[in-house]
N, C-alpha and C. Protein backbone atom coordinates (compact mmCIF):
# COMPACT_ATOMS: atom_id res chain seq x y z
N MET A 1 64.99 102.69 76.25
CA MET A 1 64.39 104.11 76.55
C MET A 1 65.48 105.41 76.05
N ALA A 2 66.33 105.32 76.41
CA ALA A 2 67.24 106.33 76.19
C ALA A 2 67.27 106.78 74.69
N GLU A 3 67.51 105.57 73.73
CA GLU A 3 67.29 105.86 72.19
C GLU A 3 66.10 106.45 71.84
N LYS A 4 64.84 106.17 72.48
CA LYS A 4 63.78 106.70 72.07
C LYS A 4 63.67 108.17 72.42
N GLN A 5 64.34 108.55 73.60
CA GLN A 5 64.53 109.99 73.90
C GLN A 5 64.99 110.94 73.28
N LEU A 6 66.37 109.95 72.79
CA LEU A 6 67.24 111.10 71.89
C LEU A 6 66.45 111.17 70.82
N ALA A 7 65.83 110.14 69.96
CA ALA A 7 65.43 110.68 68.80
C ALA A 7 64.07 111.42 68.71
N ALA A 8 63.59 111.25 69.90
CA ALA A 8 62.04 112.04 69.93
C ALA A 8 62.74 113.61 70.08
N PHE A 9 63.77 113.77 70.78
CA PHE A 9 63.90 114.92 70.89
C PHE A 9 64.74 115.53 69.86
N ALA A 10 65.48 114.77 69.40
CA ALA A 10 66.22 115.19 68.18
C ALA A 10 64.95 115.85 67.01
N VAL A 11 64.09 114.70 66.80
CA VAL A 11 62.88 115.13 66.04
C VAL A 11 62.08 116.44 66.30
N LEU A 12 61.81 116.78 67.74
CA LEU A 12 61.12 117.79 68.12
C LEU A 12 61.97 118.93 67.84
N LEU A 13 63.41 119.21 67.86
CA LEU A 13 63.93 120.18 67.88
C LEU A 13 64.38 120.55 66.38
N GLY A 14 64.02 119.59 65.42
CA GLY A 14 64.05 119.94 64.18
C GLY A 14 62.90 120.59 63.78
N LEU A 15 61.71 120.13 64.33
CA LEU A 15 60.47 120.36 64.16
C LEU A 15 60.05 121.74 64.65
N THR A 16 60.70 122.39 65.80
CA THR A 16 60.40 123.43 66.43
C THR A 16 61.49 124.53 66.26
N GLY A 17 62.86 124.16 65.62
CA GLY A 17 63.53 125.07 65.40
C GLY A 17 63.40 126.08 64.42
N PRO A 18 64.54 126.66 63.85
CA PRO A 18 64.19 127.49 62.82
C PRO A 18 63.70 127.53 61.48
N ALA A 19 63.14 128.45 60.97
CA ALA A 19 62.18 128.22 60.01
C ALA A 19 62.90 127.42 58.93
N GLY A 20 62.53 126.14 58.26
CA GLY A 20 62.93 125.40 57.30
C GLY A 20 63.62 124.29 57.87
N ALA A 21 63.81 124.27 59.15
CA ALA A 21 64.12 123.02 59.98
C ALA A 21 63.50 121.83 59.41
N GLY A 22 62.10 121.81 59.82
CA GLY A 22 61.40 120.69 59.32
C GLY A 22 61.34 120.24 58.22
N GLU A 23 61.69 121.20 57.15
CA GLU A 23 61.82 120.70 55.94
C GLU A 23 62.99 120.03 55.64
N ARG A 24 63.93 120.46 56.40
CA ARG A 24 65.14 119.59 56.24
C ARG A 24 64.85 118.08 56.56
N LEU A 25 64.12 118.12 57.50
CA LEU A 25 63.74 116.63 57.96
C LEU A 25 62.82 115.71 56.95
N PHE A 26 61.73 116.69 56.71
CA PHE A 26 60.73 115.77 56.09
C PHE A 26 60.12 116.64 55.02
N ASP A 27 60.14 115.98 53.79
CA ASP A 27 59.85 116.67 52.52
C ASP A 27 58.65 117.45 52.53
N THR A 28 57.43 117.04 53.11
CA THR A 28 56.07 117.43 53.15
C THR A 28 55.32 117.98 54.43
N HIS A 29 54.43 118.82 54.34
CA HIS A 29 53.62 118.66 55.67
C HIS A 29 52.86 117.80 56.10
N ALA A 30 52.49 116.69 55.33
CA ALA A 30 51.94 115.48 55.71
C ALA A 30 52.80 114.76 56.63
N GLU A 31 53.92 114.67 56.08
CA GLU A 31 55.01 113.89 56.69
C GLU A 31 55.21 114.29 57.94
N GLN A 32 55.30 115.51 58.12
CA GLN A 32 55.64 116.21 59.51
C GLN A 32 54.46 115.91 60.54
N ASP A 33 53.16 116.29 60.10
CA ASP A 33 51.85 115.71 60.66
C ASP A 33 51.76 114.53 60.99
N ALA A 34 52.43 113.53 60.13
CA ALA A 34 52.31 112.15 60.40
C ALA A 34 53.46 111.98 61.96
N LEU A 35 54.47 112.43 61.51
CA LEU A 35 55.28 112.09 62.78
C LEU A 35 54.90 112.78 64.12
N ARG A 36 54.21 113.94 63.99
CA ARG A 36 53.82 114.51 65.13
C ARG A 36 52.84 113.76 65.92
N ALA A 37 51.92 112.94 65.11
CA ALA A 37 50.89 112.00 65.71
C ALA A 37 51.65 110.97 66.48
N GLU A 38 52.63 110.25 65.49
CA GLU A 38 53.67 109.10 66.31
C GLU A 38 54.19 109.89 67.70
N LEU A 39 54.71 110.71 67.61
CA LEU A 39 55.42 111.48 68.81
C LEU A 39 54.28 111.63 70.11
N ARG A 40 53.09 112.42 69.56
CA ARG A 40 52.00 112.28 70.51
C ARG A 40 51.48 110.76 71.36
N ALA A 41 51.79 110.08 70.36
CA ALA A 41 51.24 108.56 70.76
C ALA A 41 52.31 108.01 71.64
N LEU A 42 53.56 108.35 71.31
CA LEU A 42 54.70 107.69 71.85
C LEU A 42 54.60 108.31 73.58
N PHE A 43 54.56 109.67 73.36
CA PHE A 43 54.77 110.30 74.88
C PHE A 43 53.44 110.17 75.74
N ALA A 44 52.22 109.74 75.02
CA ALA A 44 50.97 109.34 75.83
C ALA A 44 51.42 107.97 76.25
N ALA A 45 52.08 107.03 75.49
CA ALA A 45 51.77 105.75 76.08
C ALA A 45 53.48 105.73 76.84
N GLU A 46 54.19 106.62 76.80
CA GLU A 46 55.52 106.67 77.97
C GLU A 46 55.80 108.15 78.32
N PRO A 47 54.84 108.30 79.36
CA PRO A 47 55.08 109.79 79.63
C PRO A 47 56.14 109.89 80.55
N GLY A 48 56.96 108.69 81.10
CA GLY A 48 58.18 108.88 81.60
C GLY A 48 59.46 109.81 80.51
N ILE A 49 59.23 109.53 79.33
CA ILE A 49 60.16 109.92 78.61
C ILE A 49 60.52 111.74 78.65
N ILE A 50 59.46 112.40 78.99
CA ILE A 50 59.22 113.85 79.08
C ILE A 50 59.74 114.01 80.70
N GLU A 51 59.20 112.97 81.61
CA GLU A 51 59.66 113.27 83.13
C GLU A 51 60.90 113.41 83.16
N ASN A 52 61.56 112.45 82.76
CA ASN A 52 62.96 112.06 82.90
C ASN A 52 63.75 113.29 82.14
N ALA A 53 63.35 113.59 81.06
CA ALA A 53 64.02 114.75 80.54
C ALA A 53 64.22 115.71 81.51
N LEU A 54 63.17 116.12 82.21
CA LEU A 54 63.12 117.42 82.98
C LEU A 54 63.83 117.23 84.11
N ILE A 55 64.45 115.96 84.70
CA ILE A 55 65.02 116.12 86.27
C ILE A 55 66.14 116.26 85.96
N PRO A 56 66.56 117.48 86.60
CA PRO A 56 68.06 117.91 86.70
C PRO A 56 68.90 116.92 86.83
N LEU A 57 70.15 116.76 86.34
CA LEU A 57 71.29 116.00 86.49
C LEU A 57 71.70 116.01 87.87
N PRO A 58 72.31 115.07 88.45
CA PRO A 58 72.68 114.87 89.78
C PRO A 58 73.69 115.78 90.33
N THR A 59 73.71 116.59 91.32
CA THR A 59 75.29 117.22 91.46
C THR A 59 76.20 116.59 92.39
N GLU A 60 75.35 115.50 93.10
CA GLU A 60 76.71 114.74 93.73
C GLU A 60 77.58 114.27 93.31
N ASP A 61 78.83 114.04 93.91
CA ASP A 61 79.71 113.42 93.03
C ASP A 61 79.52 111.74 93.38
N PRO A 62 79.72 111.19 92.59
CA PRO A 62 79.33 109.68 92.64
C PRO A 62 80.24 108.64 93.39
N TYR A 63 81.84 109.75 93.27
CA TYR A 63 82.78 108.91 93.73
C TYR A 63 83.33 109.43 95.02
N ALA A 64 82.13 110.26 95.39
CA ALA A 64 82.47 110.80 97.17
C ALA A 64 82.97 109.78 98.15
N ASP A 65 81.77 108.58 98.26
CA ASP A 65 82.16 107.46 99.16
C ASP A 65 83.76 106.74 99.02
N GLU A 66 84.08 106.74 97.58
CA GLU A 66 85.29 106.06 97.43
C GLU A 66 86.65 107.21 97.87
N LYS A 67 86.29 108.45 97.62
CA LYS A 67 87.33 109.55 98.13
C LYS A 67 87.41 109.48 99.46
N ALA A 68 86.18 109.45 100.12
CA ALA A 68 86.04 109.36 101.59
C ALA A 68 86.91 108.30 102.39
N ALA A 69 86.88 107.01 101.74
CA ALA A 69 87.54 105.80 102.40
C ALA A 69 88.87 105.97 102.11
N ASP A 70 89.41 106.64 100.83
CA ASP A 70 90.64 106.64 100.73
C ASP A 70 91.33 107.80 101.41
N LEU A 71 90.89 108.80 101.93
CA LEU A 71 91.06 109.99 102.82
C LEU A 71 91.14 109.50 103.91
N ALA A 72 90.33 108.49 104.64
CA ALA A 72 90.20 108.02 105.94
C ALA A 72 91.68 106.92 106.15
N ALA A 73 91.77 106.09 104.99
CA ALA A 73 92.88 105.03 104.97
C ALA A 73 94.43 105.90 105.02
N ILE A 74 94.37 106.94 104.24
CA ILE A 74 95.59 107.79 104.22
C ILE A 74 95.91 108.53 105.51
N THR A 75 94.73 108.81 106.13
CA THR A 75 94.95 109.64 107.46
C THR A 75 95.31 108.46 108.43
N SER A 76 94.73 107.39 108.57
CA SER A 76 95.45 106.25 109.53
C SER A 76 96.68 106.14 109.32
N GLU A 77 97.34 106.04 108.12
CA GLU A 77 98.43 105.80 108.07
C GLU A 77 99.80 106.75 107.85
N ALA A 78 99.20 108.11 107.95
CA ALA A 78 99.83 109.48 107.54
C ALA A 78 101.16 109.42 108.37
N ALA A 79 101.28 109.10 109.64
CA ALA A 79 102.48 109.26 110.31
C ALA A 79 103.68 108.62 109.72
N ARG A 80 103.42 107.63 109.12
CA ARG A 80 104.45 106.84 108.63
C ARG A 80 104.78 107.18 107.24
N LEU A 81 103.75 107.46 106.59
CA LEU A 81 103.62 107.48 105.10
C LEU A 81 104.45 109.20 104.93
N PHE A 82 104.34 110.10 105.87
CA PHE A 82 104.64 111.40 105.66
C PHE A 82 105.69 111.76 106.73
N ALA A 83 106.36 110.61 107.20
CA ALA A 83 107.25 111.09 108.24
C ALA A 83 108.59 111.46 107.72
N PRO A 84 109.19 112.90 108.04
CA PRO A 84 110.41 113.24 107.86
C PRO A 84 111.64 112.48 107.21
N ASP A 85 111.92 111.56 108.26
CA ASP A 85 112.67 110.64 108.00
C ASP A 85 112.55 109.37 107.58
N ALA A 86 111.29 109.27 106.97
CA ALA A 86 111.34 107.90 106.05
C ALA A 86 112.11 107.82 104.82
N PRO A 87 112.45 106.80 104.48
CA PRO A 87 113.51 106.57 103.31
C PRO A 87 112.69 107.06 102.17
N GLY A 88 113.55 107.85 101.48
CA GLY A 88 113.28 108.71 100.34
C GLY A 88 113.99 109.98 99.78
N PHE A 89 113.68 111.11 99.41
CA PHE A 89 114.25 112.35 99.24
C PHE A 89 113.73 113.49 99.10
N GLY A 90 114.71 114.37 99.24
CA GLY A 90 114.00 115.69 99.24
C GLY A 90 114.30 116.40 100.67
N LYS A 91 113.95 117.59 100.96
CA LYS A 91 114.23 118.35 102.28
C LYS A 91 113.38 117.77 103.55
N PRO A 92 113.78 117.11 104.70
CA PRO A 92 112.87 116.84 105.63
C PRO A 92 111.79 118.03 106.14
N ASP A 93 111.97 119.03 105.83
CA ASP A 93 111.31 120.16 106.61
C ASP A 93 110.51 120.82 105.19
N ALA A 94 110.37 119.98 104.24
CA ALA A 94 109.71 120.38 102.75
C ALA A 94 108.10 120.90 103.44
N ALA A 95 107.52 121.96 102.55
CA ALA A 95 106.08 121.98 102.77
C ALA A 95 104.98 120.91 102.50
N ALA A 96 105.50 120.19 101.23
CA ALA A 96 104.64 118.91 101.07
C ALA A 96 105.46 117.67 101.25
N ILE A 97 104.80 116.58 101.77
CA ILE A 97 105.16 115.27 101.64
C ILE A 97 104.69 114.49 100.98
N TRP A 98 105.00 113.71 99.85
CA TRP A 98 104.15 112.68 99.26
C TRP A 98 104.73 111.23 99.38
N ALA A 99 104.07 110.27 98.96
CA ALA A 99 105.02 108.87 99.05
C ALA A 99 104.57 108.19 97.98
N ILE A 100 105.60 107.19 97.45
CA ILE A 100 105.17 106.49 96.44
C ILE A 100 105.76 105.15 96.78
N PHE A 101 104.95 104.13 96.45
CA PHE A 101 105.30 102.54 96.38
C PHE A 101 105.86 101.98 95.54
N VAL A 102 106.69 101.13 95.26
CA VAL A 102 107.52 100.59 94.24
C VAL A 102 107.92 99.01 94.38
N ARG A 103 107.98 98.49 93.49
CA ARG A 103 108.32 97.31 93.71
C ARG A 103 109.46 96.62 92.78
N PRO A 104 110.21 95.72 93.04
CA PRO A 104 111.55 95.63 92.40
C PRO A 104 111.33 94.98 90.97
N ASP A 105 110.05 94.30 90.57
CA ASP A 105 109.67 93.56 89.49
C ASP A 105 109.04 94.67 88.58
N CYS A 106 108.84 95.97 88.87
CA CYS A 106 108.00 97.07 88.42
C CYS A 106 109.03 97.82 87.46
N GLY A 107 108.40 97.78 85.98
CA GLY A 107 109.19 98.30 84.94
C GLY A 107 108.87 99.81 84.86
N GLU A 108 107.91 100.17 85.52
CA GLU A 108 107.73 101.63 85.48
C GLU A 108 108.08 102.40 86.67
N CYS A 109 108.69 101.58 87.73
CA CYS A 109 109.04 102.46 88.91
C CYS A 109 110.08 103.14 88.93
N ALA A 110 111.20 102.75 88.25
CA ALA A 110 112.17 103.73 88.11
C ALA A 110 111.85 104.93 87.36
N ASP A 111 111.27 105.18 86.31
CA ASP A 111 110.68 106.27 85.88
C ASP A 111 109.72 107.14 86.76
N ALA A 112 108.80 106.50 87.33
CA ALA A 112 108.32 107.07 88.26
C ALA A 112 109.04 107.81 89.37
N VAL A 113 109.97 107.37 90.07
CA VAL A 113 111.04 107.78 90.91
C VAL A 113 111.60 109.20 90.16
N ARG A 114 111.97 108.68 88.81
CA ARG A 114 112.73 110.05 88.24
C ARG A 114 112.02 111.18 88.27
N GLY A 115 110.68 110.92 87.69
CA GLY A 115 109.91 112.07 87.55
C GLY A 115 109.59 112.91 88.78
N LEU A 116 109.43 111.99 89.92
CA LEU A 116 109.60 112.91 91.15
C LEU A 116 110.73 113.73 91.64
N GLN A 117 111.58 112.96 91.26
CA GLN A 117 112.92 113.82 91.48
C GLN A 117 112.79 114.85 90.80
N LEU A 118 112.64 114.97 89.51
CA LEU A 118 112.59 116.10 89.08
C LEU A 118 111.63 117.45 89.45
N LEU A 119 110.39 116.89 90.03
CA LEU A 119 109.66 117.80 90.70
C LEU A 119 110.04 117.98 92.07
N VAL A 120 111.04 117.59 92.88
CA VAL A 120 111.78 117.86 94.20
C VAL A 120 112.46 119.06 94.03
N ARG A 121 113.20 118.93 92.51
CA ARG A 121 114.27 120.03 92.30
C ARG A 121 113.57 121.48 92.15
N VAL A 122 112.48 121.53 91.82
CA VAL A 122 111.62 122.71 91.71
C VAL A 122 110.74 123.02 92.39
N HIS A 123 110.04 122.33 93.26
CA HIS A 123 109.20 122.62 94.14
C HIS A 123 109.63 122.37 95.46
N ASP A 124 109.18 122.52 96.66
CA ASP A 124 109.24 122.27 98.06
C ASP A 124 108.69 121.29 98.33
N LEU A 125 108.99 119.98 97.95
CA LEU A 125 108.35 118.75 98.07
C LEU A 125 109.37 117.70 98.64
N ARG A 126 108.93 116.75 99.20
CA ARG A 126 109.79 115.52 99.98
C ARG A 126 108.92 114.09 99.63
N VAL A 127 109.71 113.18 99.12
CA VAL A 127 109.10 111.79 98.77
C VAL A 127 109.24 110.93 99.57
N SER A 128 108.45 110.36 100.30
CA SER A 128 108.83 108.94 100.92
C SER A 128 109.03 107.89 99.98
N VAL A 129 109.39 106.97 99.76
CA VAL A 129 109.51 105.86 99.05
C VAL A 129 109.65 104.56 99.55
N PHE A 130 108.70 103.77 99.45
CA PHE A 130 108.30 102.50 100.03
C PHE A 130 108.61 101.23 99.30
N LEU A 131 109.38 100.40 99.54
CA LEU A 131 109.74 99.29 98.54
C LEU A 131 109.02 98.02 98.93
N LEU A 132 108.31 97.44 98.32
CA LEU A 132 107.53 96.38 98.30
C LEU A 132 108.19 94.98 98.21
N PRO A 133 108.13 93.90 98.94
CA PRO A 133 108.79 92.72 98.40
C PRO A 133 108.31 92.00 97.34
N THR A 134 108.77 91.17 96.45
CA THR A 134 108.34 90.37 95.43
C THR A 134 108.17 88.76 95.73
N ASP A 135 108.76 88.48 96.97
CA ASP A 135 108.24 87.15 97.83
C ASP A 135 109.19 87.24 98.94
N PRO A 136 108.95 86.33 99.52
CA PRO A 136 109.47 86.04 101.23
C PRO A 136 111.27 86.10 101.20
N ALA A 137 111.60 85.50 100.10
CA ALA A 137 113.37 85.63 100.22
C ALA A 137 113.92 86.75 99.31
N ASP A 138 112.92 87.85 99.19
CA ASP A 138 113.31 88.89 98.42
C ASP A 138 114.80 89.95 98.72
N THR A 139 115.41 89.48 97.31
CA THR A 139 116.86 90.20 97.32
C THR A 139 116.53 91.39 96.84
N ARG A 140 115.95 91.82 96.02
CA ARG A 140 115.47 93.21 95.59
C ARG A 140 116.70 93.69 94.44
N PRO A 141 116.93 92.88 93.46
CA PRO A 141 117.73 93.29 92.48
C PRO A 141 117.06 94.12 91.46
N GLY A 142 115.76 93.70 91.39
CA GLY A 142 115.29 94.14 89.78
C GLY A 142 115.04 95.50 89.60
N LEU A 143 114.84 96.41 90.78
CA LEU A 143 114.62 97.81 90.59
C LEU A 143 115.81 98.55 90.41
N LEU A 144 117.05 98.24 91.10
CA LEU A 144 118.27 98.73 90.94
C LEU A 144 118.74 98.22 89.29
N LYS A 145 118.52 97.35 89.12
CA LYS A 145 118.87 96.79 87.49
C LYS A 145 118.43 97.94 86.59
N ALA A 146 116.99 97.93 86.83
CA ALA A 146 116.40 98.72 85.81
C ALA A 146 116.86 99.97 85.91
N ALA A 147 117.28 100.91 87.05
CA ALA A 147 117.76 102.19 87.12
C ALA A 147 119.29 101.77 86.51
N ALA A 148 119.97 100.91 86.92
CA ALA A 148 121.42 100.81 86.38
C ALA A 148 121.34 100.86 84.80
N THR A 149 120.38 100.31 84.01
CA THR A 149 120.18 99.83 82.79
C THR A 149 120.10 101.06 82.32
N GLN A 150 119.24 102.35 82.75
CA GLN A 150 118.82 103.51 82.36
C GLN A 150 119.86 104.53 82.74
N GLY A 151 120.86 104.18 83.25
CA GLY A 151 122.25 105.00 83.71
C GLY A 151 121.72 106.19 84.48
N ASP A 152 120.86 106.09 85.22
CA ASP A 152 120.56 107.40 86.02
C ASP A 152 120.97 107.20 87.49
N ALA A 153 122.24 108.02 87.75
CA ALA A 153 123.06 107.55 89.14
C ALA A 153 121.84 108.12 90.23
N ALA A 154 121.19 109.39 89.83
CA ALA A 154 120.43 109.78 90.95
C ALA A 154 119.47 108.96 91.54
N VAL A 155 118.65 108.21 90.39
CA VAL A 155 117.57 107.06 90.96
C VAL A 155 118.45 106.15 91.88
N LEU A 156 119.57 105.80 91.18
CA LEU A 156 120.44 104.50 92.01
C LEU A 156 120.61 104.93 93.31
N ASN A 157 121.09 106.03 93.48
CA ASN A 157 121.44 106.70 94.88
C ASN A 157 120.28 106.34 96.00
N VAL A 158 118.93 107.12 95.41
CA VAL A 158 117.60 107.20 96.08
C VAL A 158 117.48 105.65 96.61
N LEU A 159 117.60 104.71 95.20
CA LEU A 159 117.02 103.46 95.60
C LEU A 159 117.90 102.65 96.35
N ASP A 160 119.23 102.92 96.70
CA ASP A 160 120.11 102.07 97.35
C ASP A 160 120.00 102.72 98.77
N GLY A 161 119.55 104.11 98.67
CA GLY A 161 119.26 104.51 100.23
C GLY A 161 117.86 103.50 100.93
N VAL A 162 116.98 103.64 99.87
CA VAL A 162 115.44 102.73 100.52
C VAL A 162 116.04 101.45 100.75
N LEU A 163 116.78 100.79 99.85
CA LEU A 163 117.02 99.18 100.34
C LEU A 163 117.79 99.38 101.81
N HIS A 164 118.33 100.21 102.05
CA HIS A 164 119.15 100.06 103.35
C HIS A 164 118.08 100.59 104.21
N GLY A 165 117.08 101.12 104.14
CA GLY A 165 116.38 101.78 105.14
C GLY A 165 116.43 103.19 105.78
N ARG A 166 116.83 104.10 104.83
CA ARG A 166 117.22 105.36 105.58
C ARG A 166 116.95 106.11 104.74
N ALA A 167 116.68 107.41 105.31
CA ALA A 167 116.57 108.97 104.19
C ALA A 167 117.59 109.28 104.22
N GLU A 168 117.69 110.29 103.11
CA GLU A 168 118.70 111.13 102.87
C GLU A 168 119.35 111.60 104.09
N GLY A 169 120.83 111.16 104.64
CA GLY A 169 121.32 111.69 105.92
C GLY A 169 120.88 110.90 107.08
N ALA A 170 119.84 110.09 107.01
CA ALA A 170 119.38 109.40 108.11
C ALA A 170 120.25 108.08 108.42
N ALA A 171 120.22 107.41 109.77
CA ALA A 171 120.79 106.33 109.78
C ALA A 171 119.93 105.13 109.58
N PRO A 172 120.42 103.56 109.07
CA PRO A 172 119.52 102.83 108.58
C PRO A 172 118.81 102.52 109.48
N ARG A 173 117.45 101.69 109.38
CA ARG A 173 116.79 101.32 110.13
C ARG A 173 116.07 100.20 110.01
N GLY A 174 116.02 98.81 110.68
CA GLY A 174 115.24 97.77 110.06
C GLY A 174 115.77 96.93 109.19
N SER A 175 115.73 95.78 109.06
CA SER A 175 116.25 94.86 107.94
C SER A 175 115.04 94.92 106.71
N ASP A 176 116.00 94.57 105.88
CA ASP A 176 114.97 94.54 104.51
C ASP A 176 113.81 93.65 104.65
N THR A 177 113.79 92.62 105.05
CA THR A 177 112.65 91.69 105.12
C THR A 177 111.71 92.29 106.20
N THR A 178 111.89 92.84 107.13
CA THR A 178 111.00 93.35 107.89
C THR A 178 110.65 94.62 107.38
N THR A 179 111.23 95.51 106.76
CA THR A 179 110.62 96.63 106.48
C THR A 179 109.97 96.35 105.17
N GLY A 180 110.17 95.54 104.29
CA GLY A 180 109.52 94.87 103.04
C GLY A 180 108.17 94.63 103.56
N ALA A 181 108.09 93.65 104.32
CA ALA A 181 106.61 93.10 104.95
C ALA A 181 105.73 94.16 105.57
N THR A 182 106.61 94.91 106.37
CA THR A 182 105.67 96.28 106.89
C THR A 182 105.20 97.08 105.66
N ASN A 183 105.64 97.40 104.76
CA ASN A 183 105.44 98.26 103.47
C ASN A 183 103.98 97.77 102.89
N GLN A 184 104.39 96.45 102.74
CA GLN A 184 103.32 95.74 101.91
C GLN A 184 102.01 95.69 102.75
N ALA A 185 101.93 95.60 104.22
CA ALA A 185 100.90 95.42 104.82
C ALA A 185 100.26 96.86 105.02
N MET A 186 101.01 98.15 104.77
CA MET A 186 100.49 99.35 104.56
C MET A 186 99.84 99.70 103.34
N PHE A 187 100.57 99.02 102.46
CA PHE A 187 99.96 99.01 101.16
C PHE A 187 98.61 98.37 100.87
N ASP A 188 98.82 97.43 101.61
CA ASP A 188 97.07 96.74 101.47
C ASP A 188 96.44 97.42 102.25
N ARG A 189 96.76 97.89 103.44
CA ARG A 189 95.45 98.54 104.02
C ARG A 189 95.10 99.81 103.45
N LEU A 190 95.88 100.51 102.52
CA LEU A 190 95.49 101.60 101.75
C LEU A 190 94.60 101.27 100.63
N GLY A 191 94.43 99.89 100.68
CA GLY A 191 93.69 99.41 99.34
C GLY A 191 94.36 99.69 97.94
N LEU A 192 95.67 99.90 97.93
CA LEU A 192 96.30 99.81 96.76
C LEU A 192 96.79 98.13 95.94
N ASP A 193 96.61 98.18 94.67
CA ASP A 193 97.03 96.87 94.05
C ASP A 193 97.75 97.07 92.84
N THR A 194 98.52 98.10 92.59
CA THR A 194 99.38 98.35 91.69
C THR A 194 100.71 99.20 91.95
N THR A 195 101.85 98.84 91.50
CA THR A 195 102.79 99.76 91.62
C THR A 195 103.26 100.31 89.98
N PRO A 196 103.65 101.61 89.96
CA PRO A 196 103.91 102.57 91.41
C PRO A 196 102.69 102.98 91.76
N SER A 197 102.61 103.34 92.96
CA SER A 197 101.17 104.02 93.16
C SER A 197 101.62 105.07 94.32
N TYR A 198 101.21 106.20 94.20
CA TYR A 198 101.58 107.56 94.81
C TYR A 198 100.41 107.83 95.91
N VAL A 199 100.88 108.34 96.82
CA VAL A 199 99.88 108.78 98.05
C VAL A 199 100.17 110.23 98.47
N LEU A 200 99.22 111.04 98.38
CA LEU A 200 99.22 112.42 98.29
C LEU A 200 98.43 112.63 99.83
N PRO A 201 98.67 113.89 100.49
CA PRO A 201 97.95 113.82 101.66
C PRO A 201 96.33 113.69 101.63
N ASP A 202 95.87 113.94 100.23
CA ASP A 202 94.31 113.73 100.50
C ASP A 202 93.94 112.85 99.15
N MET A 203 95.03 111.86 98.64
CA MET A 203 94.64 111.30 97.50
C MET A 203 95.84 110.17 97.29
N LEU A 204 95.02 108.98 96.70
CA LEU A 204 95.87 108.13 96.26
C LEU A 204 95.54 107.99 94.59
N ILE A 205 96.86 107.71 93.97
CA ILE A 205 97.04 107.57 92.66
C ILE A 205 97.61 106.40 92.51
N ARG A 206 96.90 105.48 91.56
CA ARG A 206 97.17 104.23 91.20
C ARG A 206 97.88 104.40 89.58
N GLY A 207 99.26 103.72 89.50
CA GLY A 207 100.00 103.64 88.18
C GLY A 207 100.58 104.95 87.87
N GLU A 208 101.62 104.92 87.07
CA GLU A 208 102.61 105.93 86.98
C GLU A 208 101.89 107.15 86.14
N MET A 209 102.28 108.29 86.62
CA MET A 209 101.62 109.21 86.04
C MET A 209 102.75 110.51 85.42
N PRO A 210 102.52 111.04 84.56
CA PRO A 210 103.56 112.11 84.06
C PRO A 210 103.99 113.09 84.86
N GLY A 211 105.03 113.71 84.97
CA GLY A 211 105.49 114.71 86.00
C GLY A 211 104.50 116.16 86.15
N PHE A 212 104.16 116.19 84.33
CA PHE A 212 103.26 117.34 84.35
C PHE A 212 101.97 117.21 84.94
N VAL A 213 101.35 115.91 84.99
CA VAL A 213 100.24 115.73 85.54
C VAL A 213 100.39 115.98 87.30
N LEU A 214 101.30 115.21 87.64
CA LEU A 214 101.71 115.44 89.26
C LEU A 214 101.66 116.63 89.80
N GLU A 215 102.51 117.50 88.76
CA GLU A 215 102.65 118.84 89.19
C GLU A 215 101.59 119.69 89.56
N ARG A 216 100.27 119.32 88.99
CA ARG A 216 99.19 120.16 89.07
C ARG A 216 98.58 120.08 90.78
N TYR A 217 99.01 119.03 90.98
CA TYR A 217 98.39 118.58 92.56
C TYR A 217 99.36 119.20 93.48
N ILE A 218 100.25 120.05 93.06
CA ILE A 218 101.44 120.38 94.23
C ILE A 218 100.65 121.64 94.92
N ASP A 219 100.31 122.66 93.96
CA ASP A 219 99.73 124.12 94.11
C ASP A 219 98.43 124.42 94.30
N ARG A 220 97.75 123.23 94.78
CA ARG A 220 96.25 123.18 94.55
C ARG A 220 95.93 123.88 95.91
């Protein structure tokens, strides 16, 4: 049906457009008359073609329900996600607090943390970092190894603090095993399924995003 609509309206535009448009599509008046007859028969047999074409495009957001569900999940976890003393980096009294979930075996997570560090340097932003376990016996060497390989001391310092359950300048809290399981449970409740994943006060972002893309969400 859609193909017929497109073809029919393309032809009609050709026939009813500027002078000479019909001649560009069909060589003779007889051919044009024959086509008009075919179109009249088509529209008579399938009047829905015209009716559908006249229906205005929907103005509702097709993702409204999904966004509402995400927002409700974020709101329910906000106290921990955006706690000023959560493990992470940036000023505790920053105007905006975001969160990121990372996993030891996630190759892109160190890059994601690095990108957020760059944003924190130039914006009034703080980032909570939640580390997920890889297994019940999680020793968490992978993410530190990735950062060490890339030679990024700043990322290493942040991740070392996260591994010990502390924010910058805060005292350690909780064991690695307990913290990892708690973080995983929150990750699951948010409906996330990949790392890194970012949590903004009004949005979930799955997968690593370039810093220039994330920056657009700071001053919305």
